[in-house]
Amino acid sequence: KPGFDDMIDRIIDNPAYDQMGGYQIFLRRFAIPVIMILISLFVYTTLDQYISSSWNLVITSIVTGSSLGPILAAERYLAIRNNKK
């Protein structure tokens, strides 16, 4: 069974992840979760003064979860657009 180091080497050497100049792994592992956290903090802070705390958490979860699809679609669009160049 391959170890963790072997998996990392396979990912780094995989040409599929080299589409965006090596930033594909960075986007998937770091930037997208940070964007999701920032969206949830923004929605929670914005709605905090208008809605009770329990409903605010529900609405924040729904908005943040709903934004995952467009974020991944935008990331895929950027990868396809950069691949055509």
C-alpha atoms as a PDB file:
ATOM      1  CA  LYS A   1       0.000   0.000   0.000  1.00  0.00           C
ATOM      2  CA  PRO A   2       1.505   3.359  -1.018  1.00  0.00           C
ATOM      3  CA  GLY A   3       2.360   5.764   1.755  1.00  0.00           C
ATOM      4  CA  PHE A   4       1.445   9.398   2.135  1.00  0.00           C
ATOM      5  CA  ASP A   5       4.714  10.565   0.560  1.00  0.00           C
ATOM      6  CA  ASP A   6       4.067   8.406  -2.507  1.00  0.00           C
ATOM      7  CA  MET A   7       0.587   9.899  -2.887  1.00  0.00           C
ATOM      8  CA  ILE A   8       1.974  13.435  -2.688  1.00  0.00           C
ATOM      9  CA  ASP A   9       4.624  12.605  -5.302  1.00  0.00           C
ATOM     10  CA  ARG A  10       1.975  11.151  -7.619  1.00  0.00           C
ATOM     11  CA  ILE A  11      -0.173  14.271  -7.283  1.00  0.00           C
ATOM     12  CA  ILE A  12       2.738  16.635  -7.856  1.00  0.00           C
ATOM     13  CA  ASP A  13       4.013  14.673 -10.869  1.00  0.00           C
ATOM     14  CA  ASN A  14       0.521  14.315 -12.378  1.00  0.00           C
ATOM     15  CA  PRO A  15       0.226  16.504 -15.498  1.00  0.00           C
ATOM     16  CA  ALA A  16      -3.522  16.937 -14.904  1.00  0.00           C
ATOM     17  CA  TYR A  17      -2.743  19.188 -11.945  1.00  0.00           C
ATOM     18  CA  ASP A  18      -0.246  21.231 -13.966  1.00  0.00           C
ATOM     19  CA  GLN A  19      -2.951  23.027 -15.956  1.00  0.00           C
ATOM     20  CA  MET A  20      -2.851  26.289 -14.068  1.00  0.00           C
ATOM     21  CA  GLY A  21       0.889  26.519 -13.595  1.00  0.00           C
ATOM     22  CA  GLY A  22       0.869  24.346 -10.485  1.00  0.00           C
ATOM     23  CA  TYR A  23      -1.779  26.407  -8.689  1.00  0.00           C
ATOM     24  CA  GLN A  24      -4.470  23.738  -9.094  1.00  0.00           C
ATOM     25  CA  ILE A  25      -3.434  21.962  -5.881  1.00  0.00           C
ATOM     26  CA  PHE A  26      -3.237  25.293  -4.041  1.00  0.00           C
ATOM     27  CA  LEU A  27      -6.741  26.258  -5.187  1.00  0.00           C
ATOM     28  CA  ARG A  28      -8.280  22.930  -4.265  1.00  0.00           C
ATOM     29  CA  ARG A  29      -6.617  22.540  -0.875  1.00  0.00           C
ATOM     30  CA  PHE A  30      -6.339  26.081   0.447  1.00  0.00           C
ATOM     31  CA  ALA A  31      -8.060  28.847  -1.486  1.00  0.00           C
ATOM     32  CA  ILE A  32     -11.492  27.247  -1.887  1.00  0.00           C
ATOM     33  CA  PRO A  33     -11.914  26.416   1.839  1.00  0.00           C
ATOM     34  CA  VAL A  34     -10.733  29.923   2.758  1.00  0.00           C
ATOM     35  CA  ILE A  35     -13.249  31.436   0.325  1.00  0.00           C
ATOM     36  CA  MET A  36     -16.006  29.302   1.863  1.00  0.00           C
ATOM     37  CA  ILE A  37     -15.057  30.440   5.368  1.00  0.00           C
ATOM     38  CA  LEU A  38     -15.006  34.085   4.275  1.00  0.00           C
ATOM     39  CA  ILE A  39     -18.436  33.743   2.644  1.00  0.00           C
ATOM     40  CA  SER A  40     -19.889  32.187   5.786  1.00  0.00           C
ATOM     41  CA  LEU A  41     -18.395  34.894   8.007  1.00  0.00           C
ATOM     42  CA  PHE A  42     -19.688  37.641   5.725  1.00  0.00           C
ATOM     43  CA  VAL A  43     -23.218  36.204   5.591  1.00  0.00           C
ATOM     44  CA  TYR A  44     -23.340  35.555   9.340  1.00  0.00           C
ATOM     45  CA  THR A  45     -22.089  39.040  10.182  1.00  0.00           C
ATOM     46  CA  THR A  46     -24.428  40.712   7.703  1.00  0.00           C
ATOM     47  CA  LEU A  47     -27.536  38.875   8.904  1.00  0.00           C
ATOM     48  CA  ASP A  48     -26.666  38.962  12.608  1.00  0.00           C
ATOM     49  CA  GLN A  49     -28.497  42.213  13.293  1.00  0.00           C
ATOM     50  CA  TYR A  50     -31.650  41.227  11.365  1.00  0.00           C
ATOM     51  CA  ILE A  51     -32.297  37.563  12.247  1.00  0.00           C
ATOM     52  CA  SER A  52     -32.159  35.542  15.462  1.00  0.00           C
ATOM     53  CA  SER A  53     -29.042  33.484  16.092  1.00  0.00           C
ATOM     54  CA  SER A  54     -30.498  30.048  15.337  1.00  0.00           C
ATOM     55  CA  TRP A  55     -32.058  31.128  12.035  1.00  0.00           C
ATOM     56  CA  ASN A  56     -28.913  33.017  11.166  1.00  0.00           C
ATOM     57  CA  LEU A  57     -26.893  29.801  11.409  1.00  0.00           C
ATOM     58  CA  VAL A  58     -29.386  27.968   9.198  1.00  0.00           C
ATOM     59  CA  ILE A  59     -29.412  30.676   6.529  1.00  0.00           C
ATOM     60  CA  THR A  60     -25.618  31.014   6.675  1.00  0.00           C
ATOM     61  CA  SER A  61     -25.241  27.260   6.178  1.00  0.00           C
ATOM     62  CA  ILE A  62     -27.641  27.266   3.237  1.00  0.00           C
ATOM     63  CA  VAL A  63     -25.957  30.221   1.510  1.00  0.00           C
ATOM     64  CA  THR A  64     -22.462  28.854   2.103  1.00  0.00           C
ATOM     65  CA  GLY A  65     -23.420  25.380   0.908  1.00  0.00           C
ATOM     66  CA  SER A  66     -25.135  26.824  -2.147  1.00  0.00           C
ATOM     67  CA  SER A  67     -22.023  28.785  -3.059  1.00  0.00           C
ATOM     68  CA  LEU A  68     -19.870  25.648  -3.273  1.00  0.00           C
ATOM     69  CA  GLY A  69     -21.192  24.714  -6.722  1.00  0.00           C
ATOM     70  CA  PRO A  70     -20.509  28.104  -8.331  1.00  0.00           C
ATOM     71  CA  ILE A  71     -17.041  28.273  -6.761  1.00  0.00           C
ATOM     72  CA  LEU A  72     -16.099  24.845  -8.128  1.00  0.00           C
ATOM     73  CA  ALA A  73     -17.642  25.726 -11.510  1.00  0.00           C
ATOM     74  CA  ALA A  74     -15.583  28.929 -11.646  1.00  0.00           C
ATOM     75  CA  GLU A  75     -12.445  26.981 -10.788  1.00  0.00           C
ATOM     76  CA  ARG A  76     -13.209  24.459 -13.543  1.00  0.00           C
ATOM     77  CA  TYR A  77     -13.935  27.290 -16.007  1.00  0.00           C
ATOM     78  CA  LEU A  78     -10.592  28.932 -15.235  1.00  0.00           C
ATOM     79  CA  ALA A  79      -8.795  25.609 -15.708  1.00  0.00           C
ATOM     80  CA  ILE A  80     -10.488  24.986 -19.062  1.00  0.00           C
ATOM     81  CA  ARG A  81      -9.871  28.557 -20.241  1.00  0.00           C
ATOM     82  CA  ASN A  82      -6.193  28.390 -19.264  1.00  0.00           C
ATOM     83  CA  ASN A  83      -5.858  24.971 -20.895  1.00  0.00           C
ATOM     84  CA  LYS A  84      -7.062  26.354 -24.257  1.00  0.00           C
ATOM     85  CA  LYS A  85      -4.400  29.084 -24.315  1.00  0.00           C
END
